[in-house]
C-alpha atoms as a PDB file:
ATOM      1  CA  MET A   1      66.892 -35.319 -20.379  1.00  0.00           C
ATOM      2  CA  LYS A   2      64.890 -36.983 -17.198  1.00  0.00           C
ATOM      3  CA  TRP A   3      65.159 -40.865 -19.313  1.00  0.00           C
ATOM      4  CA  TRP A   4      61.522 -41.097 -18.527  1.00  0.00           C
ATOM      5  CA  ILE A   5      60.130 -38.289 -21.063  1.00  0.00           C
ATOM      6  CA  GLY A   6      62.379 -39.700 -24.055  1.00  0.00           C
ATOM      7  CA  PHE A   7      60.739 -42.953 -23.536  1.00  0.00           C
ATOM      8  CA  GLY A   8      57.498 -41.256 -23.669  1.00  0.00           C
ATOM      9  CA  LEU A   9      59.167 -38.792 -26.930  1.00  0.00           C
ATOM     10  CA  VAL A  10      59.186 -42.257 -28.868  1.00  0.00           C
ATOM     11  CA  LEU A  11      56.208 -43.668 -27.971  1.00  0.00           C
ATOM     12  CA  MET A  12      54.086 -40.777 -29.125  1.00  0.00           C
ATOM     13  CA  LEU A  13      56.067 -41.397 -32.783  1.00  0.00           C
ATOM     14  CA  PRO A  14      54.118 -44.270 -34.229  1.00  0.00           C
ATOM     15  CA  ALA A  15      50.690 -42.347 -33.124  1.00  0.00           C
ATOM     16  CA  CYS A  16      52.107 -39.144 -34.804  1.00  0.00           C
ATOM     17  CA  GLN A  17      52.017 -41.587 -38.005  1.00  0.00           C
ATOM     18  CA  ASP A  18      48.416 -42.417 -38.432  1.00  0.00           C
ATOM     19  CA  MET A  19      47.597 -38.423 -38.600  1.00  0.00           C
ATOM     20  CA  PRO A  20      46.630 -36.692 -41.633  1.00  0.00           C
ATOM     21  CA  LEU A  21      49.161 -33.777 -43.178  1.00  0.00           C
ATOM     22  CA  GLU A  22      47.296 -30.281 -42.840  1.00  0.00           C
ATOM     23  CA  THR A  23      48.027 -30.420 -46.655  1.00  0.00           C
ATOM     24  CA  GLU A  24      45.252 -33.434 -46.884  1.00  0.00           C
ATOM     25  CA  ALA A  25      42.374 -32.363 -44.524  1.00  0.00           C
ATOM     26  CA  ALA A  26      42.368 -28.754 -46.654  1.00  0.00           C
ATOM     27  CA  ASP A  27      42.835 -30.740 -50.055  1.00  0.00           C
ATOM     28  CA  THR A  28      38.726 -32.431 -48.552  1.00  0.00           C
ATOM     29  CA  VAL A  29      36.957 -28.709 -48.780  1.00  0.00           C
ATOM     30  CA  ILE A  30      37.767 -27.906 -52.380  1.00  0.00           C
ATOM     31  CA  VAL A  31      33.907 -28.476 -53.482  1.00  0.00           C
ATOM     32  CA  SER A  32      34.977 -27.656 -57.155  1.00  0.00           C
ATOM     33  CA  PRO A  33      36.533 -30.116 -59.067  1.00  0.00           C
ATOM     34  CA  THR A  34      40.170 -28.860 -60.886  1.00  0.00           C
ATOM     35  CA  ASN A  35      39.869 -29.774 -64.468  1.00  0.00           C
ATOM     36  CA  ASP A  36      42.059 -28.487 -67.604  1.00  0.00           C
ATOM     37  CA  ASP A  37      40.206 -28.472 -70.194  1.00  0.00           C
ATOM     38  CA  LEU A  38      39.250 -24.933 -68.857  1.00  0.00           C
ATOM     39  CA  ARG A  39      40.541 -21.508 -67.944  1.00  0.00           C
ATOM     40  CA  LEU A  40      37.918 -20.700 -64.508  1.00  0.00           C
ATOM     41  CA  VAL A  41      37.836 -17.054 -64.627  1.00  0.00           C
ATOM     42  CA  ARG A  42      36.219 -15.873 -61.032  1.00  0.00           C
ATOM     43  CA  GLY A  43      32.717 -16.509 -59.818  1.00  0.00           C
ATOM     44  CA  TYR A  44      30.171 -15.728 -62.657  1.00  0.00           C
ATOM     45  CA  ARG A  45      26.499 -14.646 -60.183  1.00  0.00           C
ATOM     46  CA  SER A  46      29.148 -14.139 -57.466  1.00  0.00           C
ATOM     47  CA  THR A  47      32.943 -14.129 -56.372  1.00  0.00           C
ATOM     48  CA  ASP A  48      32.338 -17.141 -54.087  1.00  0.00           C
ATOM     49  CA  ASP A  49      30.130 -19.157 -56.847  1.00  0.00           C
ATOM     50  CA  ASP A  50      30.950 -22.194 -58.066  1.00  0.00           C
ATOM     51  CA  CYS A  51      30.190 -21.426 -61.383  1.00  0.00           C
ATOM     52  CA  GLN A  52      32.650 -19.453 -62.595  1.00  0.00           C
ATOM     53  CA  LEU A  53      32.516 -17.295 -65.762  1.00  0.00           C
ATOM     54  CA  THR A  54      35.438 -19.312 -68.579  1.00  0.00           C
ATOM     55  CA  GLY A  55      37.964 -17.716 -70.486  1.00  0.00           C
ATOM     56  CA  GLU A  56      39.629 -19.673 -74.127  1.00  0.00           C
ATOM     57  CA  THR A  57      40.977 -22.985 -74.016  1.00  0.00           C
ATOM     58  CA  ALA A  58      41.422 -25.677 -77.163  1.00  0.00           C
ATOM     59  CA  PHE A  59      38.464 -27.424 -76.031  1.00  0.00           C
ATOM     60  CA  THR A  60      35.880 -23.678 -75.327  1.00  0.00           C
ATOM     61  CA  VAL A  61      37.040 -22.501 -78.210  1.00  0.00           C
ATOM     62  CA  ASN A  62      34.634 -23.208 -80.505  1.00  0.00           C
ATOM     63  CA  PHE A  63      32.086 -22.269 -77.767  1.00  0.00           C
ATOM     64  CA  LEU A  64      33.182 -19.196 -77.422  1.00  0.00           C
ATOM     65  CA  ASP A  65      29.815 -16.415 -78.468  1.00  0.00           C
ATOM     66  CA  ASP A  66      30.425 -12.575 -78.853  1.00  0.00           C
ATOM     67  CA  ALA A  67      27.055 -12.605 -77.860  1.00  0.00           C
ATOM     68  CA  ALA A  68      26.478 -15.241 -74.349  1.00  0.00           C
ATOM     69  CA  ASP A  69      29.522 -16.053 -72.128  1.00  0.00           C
ATOM     70  CA  LEU A  70      30.506 -19.721 -70.985  1.00  0.00           C
ATOM     71  CA  VAL A  71      30.443 -20.693 -67.339  1.00  0.00           C
ATOM     72  CA  SER A  72      30.833 -24.044 -65.766  1.00  0.00           C
ATOM     73  CA  CYS A  73      29.731 -24.986 -62.482  1.00  0.00           C
ATOM     74  CA  PRO A  74      30.764 -28.831 -61.101  1.00  0.00           C
ATOM     75  CA  SER A  75      28.328 -30.629 -62.863  1.00  0.00           C
ATOM     76  CA  GLY A  76      24.436 -31.889 -60.857  1.00  0.00           C
ATOM     77  CA  SER A  77      24.939 -28.843 -58.265  1.00  0.00           C
ATOM     78  CA  ASP A  78      22.588 -26.671 -57.433  1.00  0.00           C
ATOM     79  CA  ALA A  79      24.458 -24.110 -58.749  1.00  0.00           C
ATOM     80  CA  ALA A  80      24.534 -25.626 -62.270  1.00  0.00           C
ATOM     81  CA  GLN A  81      20.892 -25.643 -61.774  1.00  0.00           C
ATOM     82  CA  SER A  82      19.933 -22.092 -60.766  1.00  0.00           C
ATOM     83  CA  LEU A  83      21.690 -21.231 -63.747  1.00  0.00           C
ATOM     84  CA  VAL A  84      19.541 -22.330 -66.167  1.00  0.00           C
ATOM     85  CA  GLU A  85      16.960 -21.436 -64.188  1.00  0.00           C
ATOM     86  CA  MET A  86      17.775 -17.362 -63.597  1.00  0.00           C
ATOM     87  CA  TYR A  87      19.931 -16.957 -66.425  1.00  0.00           C
ATOM     88  CA  ASN A  88      18.452 -19.720 -69.273  1.00  0.00           C
ATOM     89  CA  ALA A  89      21.892 -21.293 -70.379  1.00  0.00           C
ATOM     90  CA  ARG A  90      22.817 -23.972 -72.679  1.00  0.00           C
ATOM     91  CA  GLU A  91      24.488 -27.174 -72.047  1.00  0.00           C
ATOM     92  CA  VAL A  92      27.643 -27.058 -73.940  1.00  0.00           C
ATOM     93  CA  ALA A  93      30.093 -29.484 -72.904  1.00  0.00           C
ATOM     94  CA  GLN A  94      30.248 -31.332 -69.872  1.00  0.00           C
ATOM     95  CA  THR A  95      34.454 -32.761 -69.154  1.00  0.00           C
ATOM     96  CA  GLY A  96      36.156 -33.536 -66.315  1.00  0.00           C
ATOM     97  CA  GLY A  97      33.491 -32.709 -62.814  1.00  0.00           C
ATOM     98  CA  TYR A  98      32.192 -29.634 -64.750  1.00  0.00           C
ATOM     99  CA  THR A  99      29.027 -28.602 -67.536  1.00  0.00           C
ATOM    100  CA  VAL A 100      29.861 -25.906 -69.794  1.00  0.00           C
ATOM    101  CA  TYR A 101      27.229 -23.665 -70.437  1.00  0.00           C
ATOM    102  CA  SER A 102      26.278 -21.268 -72.706  1.00  0.00           C
ATOM    103  CA  VAL A 103      24.519 -17.975 -71.122  1.00  0.00           C
ATOM    104  CA  PRO A 104      22.831 -15.275 -73.577  1.00  0.00           C
ATOM    105  CA  ARG A 105      23.988 -11.839 -72.605  1.00  0.00           C
ATOM    106  CA  ARG A 106      21.234  -9.609 -72.365  1.00  0.00           C
END
């Protein structure tokens, strides 16, 4: 290898240290927070819905109702607001960035 090519590579290495790793960049696209209290099953109204059908955990067990779905939405989101407006959802809890709703089945 020619000496000037090696010298150029050495000069480029410090610049690479400031660049974010792909995994760091990928983390910034996540919209919904993660939460260990909730078992998020799937999108409630569609597969890409931010409001998620929520399964049983130690946190949610007291909110489950056989006449309603338990649904969790990112707190303050447009998806949460539309869930309340469309389905008469009733807020039952908040935890780690999510608001949990009871949605009556029709």
